[in-house]
Amino acid sequence: MSFTPELVAELEILALFNLGNTQEGLKVHHSAAPQAIAAAKSLHDKGLISLPDGGYLTSLGLDAAEHAQALLTILSVAETA
């Protein structure tokens, strides 16, 4: 399995969530990039976020966002080392 553009777009959406405040949601506006709109819908279809245009992380979504953001942090640190 490889990182497809669709998966990368989903990871980018997950990286936008504030993990320090689970009551803070996200809204993907209709004027957003088509990739972001499709990614939000896909995340909703997979049960990771509460609404097709964002909303809040589900329990599974919180786990996924934590992993996605941790991976991003690890890879970012590796770039600067």
N, C-alpha and C. Protein backbone atom coordinates (compact mmCIF):
# COMPACT_ATOMS: atom_id res chain seq x y z
N MET A 1 0.85 -1.18 0.00
CA MET A 1 0.00 0.00 0.00
C MET A 1 0.89 1.24 0.00
N SER A 2 0.50 2.22 -0.77
CA SER A 2 1.26 3.46 -0.82
C SER A 2 0.35 4.64 -0.50
N PHE A 3 0.97 5.79 -0.28
CA PHE A 3 0.21 7.00 0.00
C PHE A 3 -0.30 7.57 -1.31
N THR A 4 -1.59 7.49 -1.50
CA THR A 4 -2.22 8.06 -2.68
C THR A 4 -2.51 9.53 -2.41
N PRO A 5 -2.74 10.32 -3.44
CA PRO A 5 -3.12 11.72 -3.21
C PRO A 5 -4.37 11.85 -2.33
N GLU A 6 -5.29 10.92 -2.46
CA GLU A 6 -6.51 10.96 -1.64
C GLU A 6 -6.21 10.72 -0.16
N LEU A 7 -5.32 9.76 0.12
CA LEU A 7 -4.93 9.51 1.50
C LEU A 7 -4.16 10.68 2.09
N VAL A 8 -3.31 11.28 1.30
CA VAL A 8 -2.56 12.45 1.76
C VAL A 8 -3.52 13.59 2.10
N ALA A 9 -4.54 13.78 1.28
CA ALA A 9 -5.53 14.83 1.55
C ALA A 9 -6.28 14.54 2.85
N GLU A 10 -6.59 13.28 3.11
CA GLU A 10 -7.24 12.91 4.37
C GLU A 10 -6.31 13.18 5.55
N LEU A 11 -5.04 12.83 5.41
CA LEU A 11 -4.07 13.09 6.48
C LEU A 11 -3.95 14.58 6.75
N GLU A 12 -4.00 15.37 5.69
CA GLU A 12 -3.91 16.83 5.86
C GLU A 12 -5.11 17.36 6.64
N ILE A 13 -6.29 16.82 6.39
CA ILE A 13 -7.47 17.24 7.16
C ILE A 13 -7.31 16.82 8.61
N LEU A 14 -6.89 15.59 8.86
CA LEU A 14 -6.70 15.13 10.24
C LEU A 14 -5.66 15.97 10.98
N ALA A 15 -4.66 16.45 10.25
CA ALA A 15 -3.61 17.27 10.88
C ALA A 15 -4.13 18.64 11.30
N LEU A 16 -5.26 19.07 10.77
CA LEU A 16 -5.80 20.38 11.11
C LEU A 16 -6.55 20.41 12.44
N PHE A 17 -6.95 19.25 12.94
CA PHE A 17 -7.72 19.22 14.18
C PHE A 17 -6.83 19.55 15.37
N ASN A 18 -7.40 20.33 16.31
CA ASN A 18 -6.71 20.69 17.54
C ASN A 18 -6.90 19.56 18.55
N LEU A 19 -5.87 18.79 18.80
CA LEU A 19 -5.97 17.66 19.71
C LEU A 19 -6.03 18.11 21.17
N GLY A 20 -5.70 19.35 21.43
CA GLY A 20 -5.75 19.88 22.79
C GLY A 20 -7.16 20.25 23.22
N ASN A 21 -8.10 20.29 22.28
CA ASN A 21 -9.47 20.67 22.60
C ASN A 21 -10.42 19.87 21.70
N THR A 22 -10.92 18.76 22.21
CA THR A 22 -11.78 17.90 21.40
C THR A 22 -13.15 18.52 21.13
N GLN A 23 -13.47 19.63 21.79
CA GLN A 23 -14.73 20.32 21.54
C GLN A 23 -14.60 21.32 20.39
N GLU A 24 -13.40 21.43 19.84
CA GLU A 24 -13.16 22.32 18.71
C GLU A 24 -13.24 21.52 17.42
N GLY A 25 -14.19 21.87 16.58
CA GLY A 25 -14.39 21.15 15.33
C GLY A 25 -13.69 21.82 14.16
N LEU A 26 -14.07 21.38 12.99
CA LEU A 26 -13.47 21.88 11.75
C LEU A 26 -14.57 21.99 10.71
N LYS A 27 -14.51 23.03 9.90
CA LYS A 27 -15.49 23.23 8.83
C LYS A 27 -14.75 23.34 7.51
N VAL A 28 -15.08 22.46 6.57
CA VAL A 28 -14.52 22.53 5.22
C VAL A 28 -15.58 23.21 4.36
N HIS A 29 -15.33 24.44 4.00
CA HIS A 29 -16.30 25.23 3.26
C HIS A 29 -16.43 24.75 1.81
N HIS A 30 -17.56 25.04 1.20
CA HIS A 30 -17.81 24.63 -0.18
C HIS A 30 -16.84 25.27 -1.16
N SER A 31 -16.18 26.35 -0.73
CA SER A 31 -15.21 27.03 -1.60
C SER A 31 -13.78 26.48 -1.40
N ALA A 32 -13.62 25.48 -0.55
CA ALA A 32 -12.30 24.88 -0.32
C ALA A 32 -11.86 24.11 -1.56
N ALA A 33 -10.61 23.72 -1.57
CA ALA A 33 -10.09 22.92 -2.68
C ALA A 33 -10.91 21.63 -2.81
N PRO A 34 -11.17 21.21 -4.03
CA PRO A 34 -11.96 19.98 -4.23
C PRO A 34 -11.37 18.76 -3.50
N GLN A 35 -10.05 18.70 -3.39
CA GLN A 35 -9.40 17.59 -2.70
C GLN A 35 -9.77 17.60 -1.21
N ALA A 36 -9.84 18.78 -0.62
CA ALA A 36 -10.19 18.90 0.80
C ALA A 36 -11.65 18.52 1.03
N ILE A 37 -12.52 18.94 0.14
CA ILE A 37 -13.94 18.59 0.25
C ILE A 37 -14.11 17.08 0.14
N ALA A 38 -13.45 16.46 -0.83
CA ALA A 38 -13.54 15.01 -1.01
C ALA A 38 -12.94 14.27 0.18
N ALA A 39 -11.85 14.80 0.72
CA ALA A 39 -11.20 14.16 1.86
C ALA A 39 -12.10 14.19 3.09
N ALA A 40 -12.76 15.31 3.33
CA ALA A 40 -13.66 15.41 4.47
C ALA A 40 -14.81 14.43 4.32
N LYS A 41 -15.37 14.34 3.14
CA LYS A 41 -16.46 13.39 2.90
C LYS A 41 -16.00 11.96 3.11
N SER A 42 -14.81 11.65 2.63
CA SER A 42 -14.27 10.31 2.79
C SER A 42 -14.04 9.98 4.27
N LEU A 43 -13.50 10.94 5.02
CA LEU A 43 -13.28 10.73 6.46
C LEU A 43 -14.61 10.50 7.17
N HIS A 44 -15.65 11.23 6.76
CA HIS A 44 -16.98 11.02 7.34
C HIS A 44 -17.50 9.64 6.98
N ASP A 45 -17.36 9.24 5.72
CA ASP A 45 -17.81 7.92 5.29
C ASP A 45 -17.11 6.79 6.05
N LYS A 46 -15.87 7.04 6.45
CA LYS A 46 -15.10 6.04 7.20
C LYS A 46 -15.37 6.10 8.70
N GLY A 47 -16.18 7.08 9.13
CA GLY A 47 -16.53 7.20 10.53
C GLY A 47 -15.52 7.92 11.39
N LEU A 48 -14.66 8.73 10.77
CA LEU A 48 -13.63 9.44 11.53
C LEU A 48 -14.04 10.84 11.96
N ILE A 49 -14.95 11.45 11.21
CA ILE A 49 -15.47 12.76 11.58
C ILE A 49 -16.99 12.74 11.55
N SER A 50 -17.61 13.66 12.26
CA SER A 50 -19.05 13.60 12.48
C SER A 50 -19.90 14.10 11.33
N LEU A 51 -19.37 14.94 10.46
CA LEU A 51 -20.14 15.51 9.36
C LEU A 51 -19.36 15.41 8.05
N PRO A 52 -20.06 15.36 6.92
CA PRO A 52 -19.35 15.27 5.63
C PRO A 52 -18.50 16.49 5.30
N ASP A 53 -18.75 17.61 5.97
CA ASP A 53 -17.96 18.82 5.73
C ASP A 53 -17.13 19.20 6.95
N GLY A 54 -16.82 18.22 7.78
CA GLY A 54 -15.98 18.49 8.94
C GLY A 54 -16.62 18.02 10.22
N GLY A 55 -16.96 18.97 11.06
CA GLY A 55 -17.55 18.62 12.35
C GLY A 55 -16.48 18.28 13.37
N TYR A 56 -16.75 17.24 14.12
CA TYR A 56 -15.86 16.84 15.21
C TYR A 56 -15.28 15.46 14.94
N LEU A 57 -14.17 15.19 15.59
CA LEU A 57 -13.57 13.87 15.49
C LEU A 57 -14.41 12.87 16.27
N THR A 58 -14.60 11.70 15.69
CA THR A 58 -15.20 10.60 16.44
C THR A 58 -14.10 9.98 17.29
N SER A 59 -14.44 8.98 18.06
CA SER A 59 -13.44 8.29 18.86
C SER A 59 -12.34 7.70 17.96
N LEU A 60 -12.77 7.05 16.89
CA LEU A 60 -11.81 6.50 15.92
C LEU A 60 -11.03 7.62 15.24
N GLY A 61 -11.71 8.71 14.94
CA GLY A 61 -11.06 9.85 14.31
C GLY A 61 -10.00 10.48 15.20
N LEU A 62 -10.28 10.53 16.50
CA LEU A 62 -9.30 11.07 17.43
C LEU A 62 -8.04 10.21 17.42
N ASP A 63 -8.21 8.89 17.44
CA ASP A 63 -7.04 7.99 17.35
C ASP A 63 -6.26 8.24 16.06
N ALA A 64 -6.99 8.35 14.95
CA ALA A 64 -6.34 8.56 13.65
C ALA A 64 -5.61 9.90 13.61
N ALA A 65 -6.25 10.95 14.12
CA ALA A 65 -5.63 12.27 14.11
C ALA A 65 -4.38 12.29 14.99
N GLU A 66 -4.44 11.62 16.13
CA GLU A 66 -3.26 11.55 17.00
C GLU A 66 -2.10 10.87 16.27
N HIS A 67 -2.38 9.77 15.60
CA HIS A 67 -1.34 9.05 14.86
C HIS A 67 -0.82 9.89 13.69
N ALA A 68 -1.74 10.52 12.96
CA ALA A 68 -1.34 11.33 11.81
C ALA A 68 -0.45 12.49 12.25
N GLN A 69 -0.85 13.16 13.33
CA GLN A 69 -0.07 14.30 13.79
C GLN A 69 1.27 13.86 14.39
N ALA A 70 1.28 12.71 15.04
CA ALA A 70 2.55 12.19 15.56
C ALA A 70 3.50 11.85 14.41
N LEU A 71 2.98 11.22 13.37
CA LEU A 71 3.81 10.89 12.20
C LEU A 71 4.36 12.15 11.56
N LEU A 72 3.52 13.16 11.43
CA LEU A 72 3.96 14.43 10.85
C LEU A 72 5.07 15.04 11.69
N THR A 73 4.94 14.98 13.01
CA THR A 73 5.97 15.52 13.90
C THR A 73 7.28 14.73 13.75
N ILE A 74 7.17 13.42 13.73
CA ILE A 74 8.37 12.58 13.59
C ILE A 74 9.09 12.88 12.26
N LEU A 75 8.33 12.93 11.19
CA LEU A 75 8.94 13.16 9.88
C LEU A 75 9.50 14.58 9.76
N SER A 76 8.85 15.54 10.39
CA SER A 76 9.35 16.92 10.36
C SER A 76 10.64 17.06 11.12
N VAL A 77 10.74 16.39 12.26
CA VAL A 77 11.97 16.43 13.05
C VAL A 77 13.09 15.74 12.29
N ALA A 78 12.78 14.65 11.62
CA ALA A 78 13.79 13.92 10.86
C ALA A 78 14.35 14.78 9.73
N GLU A 79 13.53 15.68 9.18
CA GLU A 79 14.00 16.56 8.10
C GLU A 79 15.06 17.54 8.61
N THR A 80 14.90 18.02 9.84
CA THR A 80 15.79 19.05 10.37
C THR A 80 17.03 18.45 11.01
N ALA A 81 17.04 17.15 11.26
CA ALA A 81 18.18 16.52 11.93
C ALA A 81 19.35 16.34 10.99
